[in-house]
N, C-alpha and C. Protein backbone atom coordinates (compact mmCIF):
# COMPACT_ATOMS: atom_id res chain seq x y z
N MET A 1 -13.06 -10.01 17.28
CA MET A 1 -12.79 -9.33 18.53
C MET A 1 -11.32 -8.95 18.59
N ILE A 2 -11.05 -7.81 19.15
CA ILE A 2 -9.70 -7.26 19.16
C ILE A 2 -8.75 -8.11 20.00
N VAL A 3 -9.22 -8.63 21.11
CA VAL A 3 -8.34 -9.39 22.01
C VAL A 3 -7.84 -10.65 21.32
N GLN A 4 -8.69 -11.34 20.59
CA GLN A 4 -8.26 -12.57 19.92
C GLN A 4 -7.34 -12.26 18.73
N ARG A 5 -7.63 -11.17 18.03
CA ARG A 5 -6.85 -10.85 16.85
C ARG A 5 -5.43 -10.40 17.22
N TYR A 6 -5.30 -9.67 18.30
CA TYR A 6 -4.01 -9.13 18.72
C TYR A 6 -3.51 -9.78 20.01
N ALA A 7 -3.74 -11.06 20.17
CA ALA A 7 -3.35 -11.75 21.39
C ALA A 7 -1.84 -11.70 21.61
N ARG A 8 -1.07 -11.71 20.55
CA ARG A 8 0.40 -11.68 20.72
C ARG A 8 0.87 -10.37 21.32
N TYR A 9 0.16 -9.27 21.02
CA TYR A 9 0.53 -7.99 21.62
C TYR A 9 0.19 -7.95 23.11
N PHE A 10 -0.95 -8.52 23.47
CA PHE A 10 -1.32 -8.56 24.88
C PHE A 10 -0.39 -9.48 25.67
N ALA A 11 0.09 -10.55 25.04
CA ALA A 11 1.05 -11.43 25.71
C ALA A 11 2.41 -10.75 25.85
N PHE A 12 2.72 -9.82 24.97
CA PHE A 12 4.00 -9.12 24.99
C PHE A 12 4.05 -8.05 26.08
N CYS A 13 2.89 -7.42 26.37
CA CYS A 13 2.83 -6.30 27.32
C CYS A 13 2.43 -6.79 28.71
N PRO A 14 2.83 -6.08 29.75
CA PRO A 14 2.39 -6.43 31.11
C PRO A 14 0.89 -6.12 31.28
N VAL A 15 0.31 -6.72 32.28
CA VAL A 15 -1.14 -6.62 32.48
C VAL A 15 -1.58 -5.19 32.75
N TRP A 16 -0.79 -4.40 33.44
CA TRP A 16 -1.19 -3.03 33.74
C TRP A 16 -1.28 -2.15 32.49
N ALA A 17 -0.68 -2.57 31.37
CA ALA A 17 -0.71 -1.79 30.13
C ALA A 17 -1.84 -2.22 29.20
N TRP A 18 -2.58 -3.26 29.53
CA TRP A 18 -3.62 -3.78 28.64
C TRP A 18 -4.72 -2.77 28.33
N PRO A 19 -5.25 -2.00 29.28
CA PRO A 19 -6.31 -1.04 28.90
C PRO A 19 -5.83 0.00 27.88
N TRP A 20 -4.64 0.53 28.08
CA TRP A 20 -4.10 1.50 27.14
C TRP A 20 -3.82 0.87 25.78
N LEU A 21 -3.32 -0.34 25.78
CA LEU A 21 -3.07 -1.06 24.54
C LEU A 21 -4.37 -1.33 23.81
N TRP A 22 -5.39 -1.77 24.54
CA TRP A 22 -6.68 -2.06 23.92
C TRP A 22 -7.28 -0.79 23.30
N LEU A 23 -7.19 0.33 24.00
CA LEU A 23 -7.75 1.58 23.49
C LEU A 23 -7.06 2.00 22.19
N GLN A 24 -5.76 1.91 22.14
CA GLN A 24 -5.03 2.28 20.93
C GLN A 24 -5.35 1.35 19.77
N LEU A 25 -5.39 0.05 20.05
CA LEU A 25 -5.70 -0.91 18.98
C LEU A 25 -7.13 -0.74 18.48
N ALA A 26 -8.05 -0.39 19.37
CA ALA A 26 -9.45 -0.16 18.96
C ALA A 26 -9.54 1.06 18.05
N MET A 27 -8.79 2.13 18.35
CA MET A 27 -8.81 3.31 17.49
C MET A 27 -8.20 3.01 16.12
N ILE A 28 -7.13 2.25 16.09
CA ILE A 28 -6.50 1.88 14.82
C ILE A 28 -7.42 0.98 14.02
N GLU A 29 -8.08 0.05 14.68
CA GLU A 29 -9.01 -0.85 14.01
C GLU A 29 -10.19 -0.07 13.41
N ARG A 30 -10.71 0.91 14.15
CA ARG A 30 -11.81 1.72 13.65
C ARG A 30 -11.37 2.56 12.45
N PHE A 31 -10.18 3.14 12.51
CA PHE A 31 -9.65 3.89 11.38
C PHE A 31 -9.52 2.99 10.15
N SER A 32 -9.00 1.79 10.35
CA SER A 32 -8.82 0.85 9.24
C SER A 32 -10.16 0.44 8.64
N ARG A 33 -11.14 0.22 9.46
CA ARG A 33 -12.46 -0.18 8.98
C ARG A 33 -13.16 0.96 8.23
N GLN A 34 -13.03 2.19 8.72
CA GLN A 34 -13.70 3.33 8.09
C GLN A 34 -13.07 3.74 6.76
N THR A 35 -11.76 3.68 6.67
CA THR A 35 -11.08 4.15 5.47
C THR A 35 -10.77 3.04 4.47
N GLY A 36 -10.76 1.79 4.91
CA GLY A 36 -10.40 0.70 4.02
C GLY A 36 -8.91 0.53 3.85
N ARG A 37 -8.12 1.22 4.65
CA ARG A 37 -6.67 1.10 4.59
C ARG A 37 -6.17 0.10 5.62
N LYS A 38 -5.07 -0.54 5.30
CA LYS A 38 -4.44 -1.45 6.25
C LYS A 38 -3.34 -0.70 6.98
N VAL A 39 -3.12 -1.07 8.25
CA VAL A 39 -2.16 -0.37 9.08
C VAL A 39 -1.18 -1.38 9.66
N LEU A 40 0.10 -1.07 9.57
CA LEU A 40 1.14 -1.89 10.18
C LEU A 40 1.61 -1.17 11.44
N VAL A 41 1.53 -1.86 12.58
CA VAL A 41 1.85 -1.24 13.85
C VAL A 41 3.03 -1.94 14.51
N ARG A 42 3.65 -1.21 15.42
CA ARG A 42 4.71 -1.75 16.27
C ARG A 42 4.33 -1.45 17.71
N VAL A 43 4.39 -2.47 18.56
CA VAL A 43 3.98 -2.32 19.96
C VAL A 43 5.23 -2.36 20.83
N ARG A 44 5.33 -1.36 21.71
CA ARG A 44 6.43 -1.34 22.67
C ARG A 44 6.08 -2.17 23.90
N ARG A 45 7.07 -2.44 24.69
CA ARG A 45 6.89 -3.28 25.88
C ARG A 45 5.97 -2.62 26.91
N ASP A 46 5.91 -1.29 26.95
CA ASP A 46 5.08 -0.61 27.93
C ASP A 46 3.67 -0.33 27.43
N GLY A 47 3.28 -0.86 26.26
CA GLY A 47 1.91 -0.75 25.77
C GLY A 47 1.66 0.35 24.76
N TRP A 48 2.66 1.10 24.41
CA TRP A 48 2.49 2.14 23.41
C TRP A 48 2.49 1.52 22.02
N VAL A 49 1.63 2.03 21.16
CA VAL A 49 1.52 1.52 19.79
C VAL A 49 2.01 2.60 18.84
N LYS A 50 2.89 2.22 17.92
CA LYS A 50 3.41 3.14 16.91
C LYS A 50 2.95 2.65 15.54
N VAL A 51 2.37 3.54 14.76
CA VAL A 51 1.95 3.21 13.40
C VAL A 51 3.17 3.36 12.50
N CYS A 52 3.58 2.27 11.90
CA CYS A 52 4.76 2.29 11.02
C CYS A 52 4.39 2.64 9.58
N PHE A 53 3.38 1.98 9.05
CA PHE A 53 2.97 2.19 7.67
C PHE A 53 1.46 2.17 7.57
N VAL A 54 0.93 2.97 6.62
CA VAL A 54 -0.49 2.98 6.28
C VAL A 54 -0.57 2.75 4.78
N SER A 55 -1.43 1.83 4.36
CA SER A 55 -1.52 1.50 2.94
C SER A 55 -2.23 2.61 2.17
N ASP A 56 -2.16 2.51 0.85
CA ASP A 56 -2.84 3.47 -0.02
C ASP A 56 -4.35 3.26 0.04
N LEU A 57 -5.07 4.26 -0.45
CA LEU A 57 -6.52 4.12 -0.53
C LEU A 57 -6.87 3.03 -1.53
N PRO A 58 -7.90 2.25 -1.27
CA PRO A 58 -8.31 1.25 -2.26
C PRO A 58 -8.85 1.94 -3.51
N GLN A 59 -8.59 1.37 -4.66
CA GLN A 59 -9.05 1.96 -5.91
C GLN A 59 -10.54 1.74 -6.06
N PRO A 60 -11.27 2.76 -6.48
CA PRO A 60 -12.72 2.59 -6.66
C PRO A 60 -13.01 1.67 -7.84
N GLU A 61 -14.20 1.11 -7.83
CA GLU A 61 -14.61 0.22 -8.92
C GLU A 61 -14.69 1.00 -10.22
N GLY A 62 -14.31 0.38 -11.31
CA GLY A 62 -14.39 1.02 -12.62
C GLY A 62 -13.24 1.97 -12.89
N THR A 63 -12.15 1.85 -12.16
CA THR A 63 -11.00 2.70 -12.39
C THR A 63 -10.36 2.34 -13.73
N PHE A 64 -10.06 3.36 -14.52
CA PHE A 64 -9.47 3.12 -15.84
C PHE A 64 -8.03 2.67 -15.70
N ARG A 65 -7.73 1.58 -16.35
CA ARG A 65 -6.34 1.11 -16.44
C ARG A 65 -6.02 0.93 -17.91
N PRO A 66 -4.99 1.60 -18.41
CA PRO A 66 -4.68 1.48 -19.83
C PRO A 66 -4.23 0.06 -20.18
N MET A 67 -4.63 -0.36 -21.38
CA MET A 67 -4.24 -1.70 -21.84
C MET A 67 -2.80 -1.68 -22.32
N LEU A 68 -2.11 -2.75 -22.12
CA LEU A 68 -0.73 -2.86 -22.60
C LEU A 68 -0.73 -3.09 -24.10
N PRO A 69 0.26 -2.60 -24.82
CA PRO A 69 0.31 -2.83 -26.26
C PRO A 69 0.51 -4.31 -26.57
N LEU A 70 -0.05 -4.73 -27.70
CA LEU A 70 0.02 -6.14 -28.07
C LEU A 70 1.31 -6.50 -28.78
N THR A 71 2.01 -5.51 -29.34
CA THR A 71 3.26 -5.80 -30.03
C THR A 71 4.43 -5.58 -29.06
N PRO A 72 5.46 -6.37 -29.15
CA PRO A 72 6.61 -6.17 -28.27
C PRO A 72 7.33 -4.85 -28.57
N ARG A 73 8.05 -4.35 -27.60
CA ARG A 73 8.73 -3.06 -27.73
C ARG A 73 9.77 -3.07 -28.85
N TRP A 74 10.43 -4.18 -29.07
CA TRP A 74 11.49 -4.20 -30.08
C TRP A 74 10.93 -4.17 -31.50
N GLN A 75 9.61 -4.36 -31.65
CA GLN A 75 9.01 -4.27 -32.98
C GLN A 75 8.35 -2.92 -33.23
N ARG A 76 8.35 -2.04 -32.26
CA ARG A 76 7.75 -0.71 -32.42
C ARG A 76 8.86 0.32 -32.54
N TRP A 77 8.83 1.10 -33.62
CA TRP A 77 9.85 2.12 -33.83
C TRP A 77 9.77 3.22 -32.79
N ALA A 78 8.59 3.55 -32.37
CA ALA A 78 8.43 4.65 -31.42
C ALA A 78 9.10 4.34 -30.09
N ALA A 79 9.21 3.10 -29.75
CA ALA A 79 9.82 2.73 -28.48
C ALA A 79 11.35 2.72 -28.56
N GLN A 80 11.91 2.79 -29.76
CA GLN A 80 13.35 2.68 -29.91
C GLN A 80 14.08 4.02 -29.98
N SER A 81 13.36 5.09 -30.30
CA SER A 81 14.04 6.37 -30.48
C SER A 81 13.10 7.49 -30.07
N ASP A 82 13.71 8.62 -29.74
CA ASP A 82 12.93 9.81 -29.43
C ASP A 82 12.63 10.63 -30.68
N ARG A 83 13.26 10.30 -31.80
CA ARG A 83 13.04 11.05 -33.04
C ARG A 83 11.73 10.62 -33.69
N PRO A 84 11.07 11.54 -34.42
CA PRO A 84 9.83 11.18 -35.10
C PRO A 84 10.08 10.14 -36.18
N VAL A 85 9.05 9.44 -36.59
CA VAL A 85 9.17 8.38 -37.58
C VAL A 85 9.59 8.97 -38.94
N THR A 86 9.15 10.19 -39.26
CA THR A 86 9.53 10.80 -40.55
C THR A 86 11.03 11.04 -40.64
N VAL A 87 11.66 11.38 -39.54
CA VAL A 87 13.11 11.59 -39.56
C VAL A 87 13.83 10.26 -39.67
N LEU A 88 13.29 9.23 -39.05
CA LEU A 88 13.92 7.92 -39.14
C LEU A 88 13.80 7.34 -40.55
N ALA A 89 12.71 7.65 -41.24
CA ALA A 89 12.49 7.09 -42.57
C ALA A 89 13.24 7.87 -43.65
N ALA A 90 13.72 9.06 -43.35
CA ALA A 90 14.42 9.88 -44.36
C ALA A 90 15.76 9.25 -44.70
N PRO A 91 16.10 9.23 -46.01
CA PRO A 91 17.41 8.66 -46.39
C PRO A 91 18.55 9.59 -45.92
N PRO A 92 19.68 9.04 -45.61
CA PRO A 92 20.80 9.88 -45.18
C PRO A 92 21.29 10.74 -46.34
N ALA A 93 21.70 11.94 -46.05
CA ALA A 93 22.15 12.86 -47.10
C ALA A 93 23.64 12.80 -47.29
């Protein structure tokens, strides 16, 4: 229930602002439930709610994530230089 979850906001605002506060929090809660995003809000003393941050969309199941290389970077020549390996292997002239 919204009242129990956001009790600190209702304690912060005067009683005459509770209906407006409840309406705004209900809309934010519905948005969060429908999209799966989390919302960080700031409540003013007069009952106005400001959305400060909205999280990213949740990643769908089966999203490809590349595997990290098994060898450390200092053992891979490609990670040490922008030059091709053939140029690095060539003897100096």
